[in-house]
Amino acid sequence: MTHFHMHSTTDPMTGRDIPDTAGHPYVVEGEHYHDLTIYFESDTTRKAYLDIPVEKVGGEGNLHRMLDNPAADMNDNN
């Protein structure tokens, strides 16, 4: 089984890089063998990220399934 675990050290809410992630809040999106750890500058930006309403296709923690769920009006011919 192929395993990957990625780390994002750019706070998605501010766009700022976090060179030293020690002590910074984070969220793990995905499943055990296919997950992404996203680091945040502060608890405030982490909370703002978690408060973004998104369609939960496969339940909590299934980011890759959300990304694989295109909108119904998506046109592959563009």
PDB file of N, CA and C in Angstrom:
ATOM      1  N   MET A   1       0.845  -1.186   0.000  1.00  0.00           N
ATOM      2  CA  MET A   1       0.000   0.000   0.000  1.00  0.00           C
ATOM      3  C   MET A   1       0.886   1.243   0.000  1.00  0.00           C
ATOM      4  N   THR A   2       0.587   2.149  -0.908  1.00  0.00           N
ATOM      5  CA  THR A   2       1.319   3.406  -0.973  1.00  0.00           C
ATOM      6  C   THR A   2       0.864   4.304   0.158  1.00  0.00           C
ATOM      7  N   HIS A   3       1.821   4.916   0.823  1.00  0.00           N
ATOM      8  CA  HIS A   3       1.528   5.778   1.957  1.00  0.00           C
ATOM      9  C   HIS A   3       2.127   7.155   1.688  1.00  0.00           C
ATOM     10  N   PHE A   4       1.338   8.184   1.935  1.00  0.00           N
ATOM     11  CA  PHE A   4       1.917   9.516   1.895  1.00  0.00           C
ATOM     12  C   PHE A   4       1.318  10.357   3.003  1.00  0.00           C
ATOM     13  N   HIS A   5       2.149  11.172   3.582  1.00  0.00           N
ATOM     14  CA  HIS A   5       1.710  12.132   4.583  1.00  0.00           C
ATOM     15  C   HIS A   5       2.382  13.445   4.220  1.00  0.00           C
ATOM     16  N   MET A   6       1.562  14.450   3.981  1.00  0.00           N
ATOM     17  CA  MET A   6       2.098  15.747   3.584  1.00  0.00           C
ATOM     18  C   MET A   6       1.920  16.762   4.711  1.00  0.00           C
ATOM     19  N   HIS A   7       2.781  17.760   4.712  1.00  0.00           N
ATOM     20  CA  HIS A   7       2.720  18.857   5.678  1.00  0.00           C
ATOM     21  C   HIS A   7       2.610  20.159   4.906  1.00  0.00           C
ATOM     22  N   SER A   8       1.655  20.992   5.289  1.00  0.00           N
ATOM     23  CA  SER A   8       1.545  22.327   4.711  1.00  0.00           C
ATOM     24  C   SER A   8       1.947  23.326   5.789  1.00  0.00           C
ATOM     25  N   THR A   9       3.016  24.057   5.531  1.00  0.00           N
ATOM     26  CA  THR A   9       3.494  25.033   6.511  1.00  0.00           C
ATOM     27  C   THR A   9       3.115  26.458   6.121  1.00  0.00           C
ATOM     28  N   THR A  10       2.167  26.585   5.220  1.00  0.00           N
ATOM     29  CA  THR A  10       1.623  27.895   4.861  1.00  0.00           C
ATOM     30  C   THR A  10       0.217  27.979   5.436  1.00  0.00           C
ATOM     31  N   ASP A  11       0.004  28.936   6.316  1.00  0.00           N
ATOM     32  CA  ASP A  11      -1.321  29.121   6.910  1.00  0.00           C
ATOM     33  C   ASP A  11      -2.299  29.452   5.782  1.00  0.00           C
ATOM     34  N   PRO A  12      -3.320  28.609   5.542  1.00  0.00           N
ATOM     35  CA  PRO A  12      -4.223  28.853   4.419  1.00  0.00           C
ATOM     36  C   PRO A  12      -5.103  30.093   4.586  1.00  0.00           C
ATOM     37  N   MET A  13      -5.205  30.582   5.796  1.00  0.00           N
ATOM     38  CA  MET A  13      -6.048  31.752   6.030  1.00  0.00           C
ATOM     39  C   MET A  13      -5.292  33.060   5.812  1.00  0.00           C
ATOM     40  N   THR A  14      -3.981  33.066   6.065  1.00  0.00           N
ATOM     41  CA  THR A  14      -3.203  34.302   5.926  1.00  0.00           C
ATOM     42  C   THR A  14      -2.236  34.254   4.754  1.00  0.00           C
ATOM     43  N   GLY A  15      -1.898  33.048   4.295  1.00  0.00           N
ATOM     44  CA  GLY A  15      -0.932  32.895   3.224  1.00  0.00           C
ATOM     45  C   GLY A  15       0.506  33.034   3.685  1.00  0.00           C
ATOM     46  N   ARG A  16       0.726  33.145   4.985  1.00  0.00           N
ATOM     47  CA  ARG A  16       2.084  33.305   5.511  1.00  0.00           C
ATOM     48  C   ARG A  16       2.714  31.949   5.822  1.00  0.00           C
ATOM     49  N   ASP A  17       4.017  31.842   5.531  1.00  0.00           N
ATOM     50  CA  ASP A  17       4.756  30.622   5.805  1.00  0.00           C
ATOM     51  C   ASP A  17       5.099  30.548   7.294  1.00  0.00           C
ATOM     52  N   ILE A  18       5.113  29.331   7.822  1.00  0.00           N
ATOM     53  CA  ILE A  18       5.460  29.084   9.218  1.00  0.00           C
ATOM     54  C   ILE A  18       6.743  28.254   9.205  1.00  0.00           C
ATOM     55  N   PRO A  19       7.923  28.918   9.319  1.00  0.00           N
ATOM     56  CA  PRO A  19       9.183  28.198   9.198  1.00  0.00           C
ATOM     57  C   PRO A  19       9.431  27.193  10.332  1.00  0.00           C
ATOM     58  N   ASP A  20       8.980  27.492  11.532  1.00  0.00           N
ATOM     59  CA  ASP A  20       9.142  26.591  12.672  1.00  0.00           C
ATOM     60  C   ASP A  20       7.756  26.228  13.183  1.00  0.00           C
ATOM     61  N   THR A  21       7.316  25.000  12.927  1.00  0.00           N
ATOM     62  CA  THR A  21       5.942  24.597  13.261  1.00  0.00           C
ATOM     63  C   THR A  21       5.755  24.196  14.719  1.00  0.00           C
ATOM     64  N   ALA A  22       6.837  24.074  15.467  1.00  0.00           N
ATOM     65  CA  ALA A  22       6.738  23.661  16.873  1.00  0.00           C
ATOM     66  C   ALA A  22       5.833  24.615  17.642  1.00  0.00           C
ATOM     67  N   GLY A  23       4.821  24.059  18.275  1.00  0.00           N
ATOM     68  CA  GLY A  23       3.923  24.846  19.099  1.00  0.00           C
ATOM     69  C   GLY A  23       2.784  25.518  18.355  1.00  0.00           C
ATOM     70  N   HIS A  24       2.765  25.406  17.033  1.00  0.00           N
ATOM     71  CA  HIS A  24       1.681  26.012  16.258  1.00  0.00           C
ATOM     72  C   HIS A  24       0.496  25.059  16.169  1.00  0.00           C
ATOM     73  N   PRO A  25      -0.727  25.604  16.163  1.00  0.00           N
ATOM     74  CA  PRO A  25      -1.900  24.740  16.008  1.00  0.00           C
ATOM     75  C   PRO A  25      -1.937  24.139  14.608  1.00  0.00           C
ATOM     76  N   TYR A  26      -2.600  23.000  14.494  1.00  0.00           N
ATOM     77  CA  TYR A  26      -2.684  22.316  13.204  1.00  0.00           C
ATOM     78  C   TYR A  26      -3.972  21.513  13.112  1.00  0.00           C
ATOM     79  N   VAL A  27      -4.264  21.073  11.898  1.00  0.00           N
ATOM     80  CA  VAL A  27      -5.402  20.204  11.608  1.00  0.00           C
ATOM     81  C   VAL A  27      -4.875  19.094  10.716  1.00  0.00           C
ATOM     82  N   VAL A  28      -5.327  17.863  10.939  1.00  0.00           N
ATOM     83  CA  VAL A  28      -4.971  16.757  10.059  1.00  0.00           C
ATOM     84  C   VAL A  28      -6.207  16.417   9.231  1.00  0.00           C
ATOM     85  N   GLU A  29      -6.074  16.543   7.918  1.00  0.00           N
ATOM     86  CA  GLU A  29      -7.157  16.227   6.994  1.00  0.00           C
ATOM     87  C   GLU A  29      -6.828  14.905   6.308  1.00  0.00           C
ATOM     88  N   GLY A  30      -7.814  14.061   6.116  1.00  0.00           N
ATOM     89  CA  GLY A  30      -7.613  12.815   5.397  1.00  0.00           C
ATOM     90  C   GLY A  30      -7.645  11.614   6.322  1.00  0.00           C
ATOM     91  N   GLU A  31      -7.144  10.513   5.787  1.00  0.00           N
ATOM     92  CA  GLU A  31      -7.142   9.249   6.508  1.00  0.00           C
ATOM     93  C   GLU A  31      -5.717   8.838   6.832  1.00  0.00           C
ATOM     94  N   HIS A  32      -5.573   7.764   7.571  1.00  0.00           N
ATOM     95  CA  HIS A  32      -4.298   7.299   8.099  1.00  0.00           C
ATOM     96  C   HIS A  32      -3.201   7.209   7.040  1.00  0.00           C
ATOM     97  N   TYR A  33      -3.465   6.638   5.898  1.00  0.00           N
ATOM     98  CA  TYR A  33      -2.431   6.450   4.888  1.00  0.00           C
ATOM     99  C   TYR A  33      -2.369   7.560   3.845  1.00  0.00           C
ATOM    100  N   HIS A  34      -3.319   8.460   3.870  1.00  0.00           N
ATOM    101  CA  HIS A  34      -3.361   9.553   2.899  1.00  0.00           C
ATOM    102  C   HIS A  34      -3.848  10.805   3.616  1.00  0.00           C
ATOM    103  N   ASP A  35      -2.942  11.467   4.329  1.00  0.00           N
ATOM    104  CA  ASP A  35      -3.382  12.618   5.102  1.00  0.00           C
ATOM    105  C   ASP A  35      -2.470  13.822   4.901  1.00  0.00           C
ATOM    106  N   LEU A  36      -2.980  14.952   5.348  1.00  0.00           N
ATOM    107  CA  LEU A  36      -2.308  16.233   5.207  1.00  0.00           C
ATOM    108  C   LEU A  36      -2.400  16.964   6.535  1.00  0.00           C
ATOM    109  N   THR A  37      -1.259  17.375   7.067  1.00  0.00           N
ATOM    110  CA  THR A  37      -1.234  18.197   8.272  1.00  0.00           C
ATOM    111  C   THR A  37      -1.081  19.647   7.836  1.00  0.00           C
ATOM    112  N   ILE A  38      -2.031  20.483   8.249  1.00  0.00           N
ATOM    113  CA  ILE A  38      -2.034  21.902   7.895  1.00  0.00           C
ATOM    114  C   ILE A  38      -1.722  22.694   9.164  1.00  0.00           C
ATOM    115  N   TYR A  39      -0.659  23.484   9.123  1.00  0.00           N
ATOM    116  CA  TYR A  39      -0.271  24.305  10.273  1.00  0.00           C
ATOM    117  C   TYR A  39      -0.829  25.715  10.135  1.00  0.00           C
ATOM    118  N   PHE A  40      -1.112  26.339  11.282  1.00  0.00           N
ATOM    119  CA  PHE A  40      -1.708  27.667  11.340  1.00  0.00           C
ATOM    120  C   PHE A  40      -0.857  28.586  12.206  1.00  0.00           C
ATOM    121  N   GLU A  41      -0.927  29.883  11.918  1.00  0.00           N
ATOM    122  CA  GLU A  41      -0.198  30.873  12.716  1.00  0.00           C
ATOM    123  C   GLU A  41      -0.753  30.967  14.135  1.00  0.00           C
ATOM    124  N   SER A  42      -2.064  30.805  14.263  1.00  0.00           N
ATOM    125  CA  SER A  42      -2.694  31.002  15.568  1.00  0.00           C
ATOM    126  C   SER A  42      -3.949  30.146  15.681  1.00  0.00           C
ATOM    127  N   ASP A  43      -4.457  30.050  16.896  1.00  0.00           N
ATOM    128  CA  ASP A  43      -5.728  29.351  17.110  1.00  0.00           C
ATOM    129  C   ASP A  43      -6.864  30.075  16.387  1.00  0.00           C
ATOM    130  N   THR A  44      -6.745  31.388  16.239  1.00  0.00           N
ATOM    131  CA  THR A  44      -7.776  32.170  15.562  1.00  0.00           C
ATOM    132  C   THR A  44      -7.887  31.772  14.091  1.00  0.00           C
ATOM    133  N   THR A  45      -6.742  31.646  13.399  1.00  0.00           N
ATOM    134  CA  THR A  45      -6.808  31.255  11.989  1.00  0.00           C
ATOM    135  C   THR A  45      -7.200  29.786  11.842  1.00  0.00           C
ATOM    136  N   ARG A  46      -6.807  28.950  12.798  1.00  0.00           N
ATOM    137  CA  ARG A  46      -7.236  27.537  12.767  1.00  0.00           C
ATOM    138  C   ARG A  46      -8.751  27.454  12.898  1.00  0.00           C
ATOM    139  N   LYS A  47      -9.315  28.213  13.835  1.00  0.00           N
ATOM    140  CA  LYS A  47     -10.759  28.203  14.032  1.00  0.00           C
ATOM    141  C   LYS A  47     -11.483  28.738  12.794  1.00  0.00           C
ATOM    142  N   ALA A  48     -10.943  29.807  12.191  1.00  0.00           N
ATOM    143  CA  ALA A  48     -11.557  30.361  10.976  1.00  0.00           C
ATOM    144  C   ALA A  48     -11.580  29.306   9.872  1.00  0.00           C
ATOM    145  N   TYR A  49     -10.506  28.531   9.745  1.00  0.00           N
ATOM    146  CA  TYR A  49     -10.444  27.459   8.747  1.00  0.00           C
ATOM    147  C   TYR A  49     -11.504  26.399   9.042  1.00  0.00           C
ATOM    148  N   LEU A  50     -11.586  25.989  10.285  1.00  0.00           N
ATOM    149  CA  LEU A  50     -12.547  24.948  10.658  1.00  0.00           C
ATOM    150  C   LEU A  50     -13.993  25.415  10.527  1.00  0.00           C
ATOM    151  N   ASP A  51     -14.212  26.723  10.591  1.00  0.00           N
ATOM    152  CA  ASP A  51     -15.566  27.277  10.492  1.00  0.00           C
ATOM    153  C   ASP A  51     -16.035  27.448   9.048  1.00  0.00           C
ATOM    154  N   ILE A  52     -15.166  27.211   8.070  1.00  0.00           N
ATOM    155  CA  ILE A  52     -15.566  27.330   6.665  1.00  0.00           C
ATOM    156  C   ILE A  52     -16.540  26.201   6.347  1.00  0.00           C
ATOM    157  N   PRO A  53     -17.743  26.534   5.888  1.00  0.00           N
ATOM    158  CA  PRO A  53     -18.691  25.465   5.555  1.00  0.00           C
ATOM    159  C   PRO A  53     -18.262  24.740   4.283  1.00  0.00           C
ATOM    160  N   VAL A  54     -18.165  23.437   4.368  1.00  0.00           N
ATOM    161  CA  VAL A  54     -17.828  22.600   3.214  1.00  0.00           C
ATOM    162  C   VAL A  54     -18.736  21.393   3.204  1.00  0.00           C
ATOM    163  N   GLU A  55     -18.922  20.848   2.017  1.00  0.00           N
ATOM    164  CA  GLU A  55     -19.704  19.634   1.894  1.00  0.00           C
ATOM    165  C   GLU A  55     -18.880  18.475   2.437  1.00  0.00           C
ATOM    166  N   LYS A  56     -19.421  17.749   3.385  1.00  0.00           N
ATOM    167  CA  LYS A  56     -18.728  16.605   3.971  1.00  0.00           C
ATOM    168  C   LYS A  56     -19.178  15.352   3.239  1.00  0.00           C
ATOM    169  N   VAL A  57     -18.491  15.031   2.154  1.00  0.00           N
ATOM    170  CA  VAL A  57     -18.888  13.920   1.296  1.00  0.00           C
ATOM    171  C   VAL A  57     -18.808  12.589   2.022  1.00  0.00           C
ATOM    172  N   GLY A  58     -17.660  12.304   2.613  1.00  0.00           N
ATOM    173  CA  GLY A  58     -17.467  11.014   3.267  1.00  0.00           C
ATOM    174  C   GLY A  58     -17.444  11.125   4.773  1.00  0.00           C
ATOM    175  N   GLY A  59     -17.881  12.242   5.321  1.00  0.00           N
ATOM    176  CA  GLY A  59     -17.819  12.454   6.754  1.00  0.00           C
ATOM    177  C   GLY A  59     -16.597  13.278   7.106  1.00  0.00           C
ATOM    178  N   GLU A  60     -16.400  13.523   8.363  1.00  0.00           N
ATOM    179  CA  GLU A  60     -15.271  14.314   8.834  1.00  0.00           C
ATOM    180  C   GLU A  60     -13.951  13.667   8.436  1.00  0.00           C
ATOM    181  N   GLY A  61     -12.981  14.491   8.097  1.00  0.00           N
ATOM    182  CA  GLY A  61     -11.632  14.005   7.850  1.00  0.00           C
ATOM    183  C   GLY A  61     -11.402  13.340   6.511  1.00  0.00           C
ATOM    184  N   ASN A  62     -12.229  13.614   5.518  1.00  0.00           N
ATOM    185  CA  ASN A  62     -12.065  12.988   4.214  1.00  0.00           C
ATOM    186  C   ASN A  62     -11.839  14.033   3.144  1.00  0.00           C
ATOM    187  N   LEU A  63     -10.802  14.833   3.301  1.00  0.00           N
ATOM    188  CA  LEU A  63     -10.514  15.918   2.378  1.00  0.00           C
ATOM    189  C   LEU A  63     -10.364  15.420   0.949  1.00  0.00           C
ATOM    190  N   HIS A  64      -9.673  14.298   0.742  1.00  0.00           N
ATOM    191  CA  HIS A  64      -9.456  13.820  -0.627  1.00  0.00           C
ATOM    192  C   HIS A  64     -10.769  13.459  -1.302  1.00  0.00           C
ATOM    193  N   ARG A  65     -11.737  13.020  -0.567  1.00  0.00           N
ATOM    194  CA  ARG A  65     -13.042  12.728  -1.177  1.00  0.00           C
ATOM    195  C   ARG A  65     -13.774  14.013  -1.537  1.00  0.00           C
ATOM    196  N   MET A  66     -13.615  15.048  -0.725  1.00  0.00           N
ATOM    197  CA  MET A  66     -14.248  16.320  -1.060  1.00  0.00           C
ATOM    198  C   MET A  66     -13.655  16.873  -2.342  1.00  0.00           C
ATOM    199  N   LEU A  67     -12.338  16.735  -2.523  1.00  0.00           N
ATOM    200  CA  LEU A  67     -11.695  17.263  -3.710  1.00  0.00           C
ATOM    201  C   LEU A  67     -12.052  16.463  -4.949  1.00  0.00           C
ATOM    202  N   ASP A  68     -12.435  15.197  -4.778  1.00  0.00           N
ATOM    203  CA  ASP A  68     -12.811  14.348  -5.898  1.00  0.00           C
ATOM    204  C   ASP A  68     -14.301  14.413  -6.206  1.00  0.00           C
ATOM    205  N   ASN A  69     -15.008  15.375  -5.655  1.00  0.00           N
ATOM    206  CA  ASN A  69     -16.438  15.496  -5.818  1.00  0.00           C
ATOM    207  C   ASN A  69     -16.736  16.799  -6.565  1.00  0.00           C
ATOM    208  N   PRO A  70     -16.585  16.789  -7.906  1.00  0.00           N
ATOM    209  CA  PRO A  70     -16.799  18.029  -8.664  1.00  0.00           C
ATOM    210  C   PRO A  70     -18.251  18.486  -8.624  1.00  0.00           C
ATOM    211  N   ALA A  71     -18.425  19.740  -8.887  1.00  0.00           N
ATOM    212  CA  ALA A  71     -19.779  20.306  -8.930  1.00  0.00           C
ATOM    213  C   ALA A  71     -20.586  19.645 -10.054  1.00  0.00           C
ATOM    214  N   ALA A  72     -21.869  19.584  -9.898  1.00  0.00           N
ATOM    215  CA  ALA A  72     -22.744  18.936 -10.876  1.00  0.00           C
ATOM    216  C   ALA A  72     -22.687  19.610 -12.238  1.00  0.00           C
ATOM    217  N   ASP A  73     -22.399  20.935 -12.271  1.00  0.00           N
ATOM    218  CA  ASP A  73     -22.364  21.646 -13.535  1.00  0.00           C
ATOM    219  C   ASP A  73     -20.960  21.748 -14.136  1.00  0.00           C
ATOM    220  N   MET A  74     -20.024  20.978 -13.586  1.00  0.00           N
ATOM    221  CA  MET A  74     -18.653  21.001 -14.081  1.00  0.00           C
ATOM    222  C   MET A  74     -18.575  20.428 -15.493  1.00  0.00           C
ATOM    223  N   ASN A  75     -17.854  21.126 -16.369  1.00  0.00           N
ATOM    224  CA  ASN A  75     -17.735  20.695 -17.755  1.00  0.00           C
ATOM    225  C   ASN A  75     -16.283  20.284 -17.998  1.00  0.00           C
ATOM    226  N   ASP A  76     -16.067  19.006 -18.304  1.00  0.00           N
ATOM    227  CA  ASP A  76     -14.714  18.485 -18.546  1.00  0.00           C
ATOM    228  C   ASP A  76     -14.148  18.911 -19.893  1.00  0.00           C
ATOM    229  N   ASN A  77     -14.946  19.527 -20.740  1.00  0.00           N
ATOM    230  CA  ASN A  77     -14.492  19.900 -22.078  1.00  0.00           C
ATOM    231  C   ASN A  77     -13.852  21.280 -22.139  1.00  0.00           C
ATOM    232  N   ASN A  78     -13.747  21.970 -21.010  1.00  0.00           N
ATOM    233  CA  ASN A  78     -13.165  23.321 -21.005  1.00  0.00           C
ATOM    234  C   ASN A  78     -11.678  23.270 -20.895  1.00  0.00           C
TER     235      ASN A  78
END
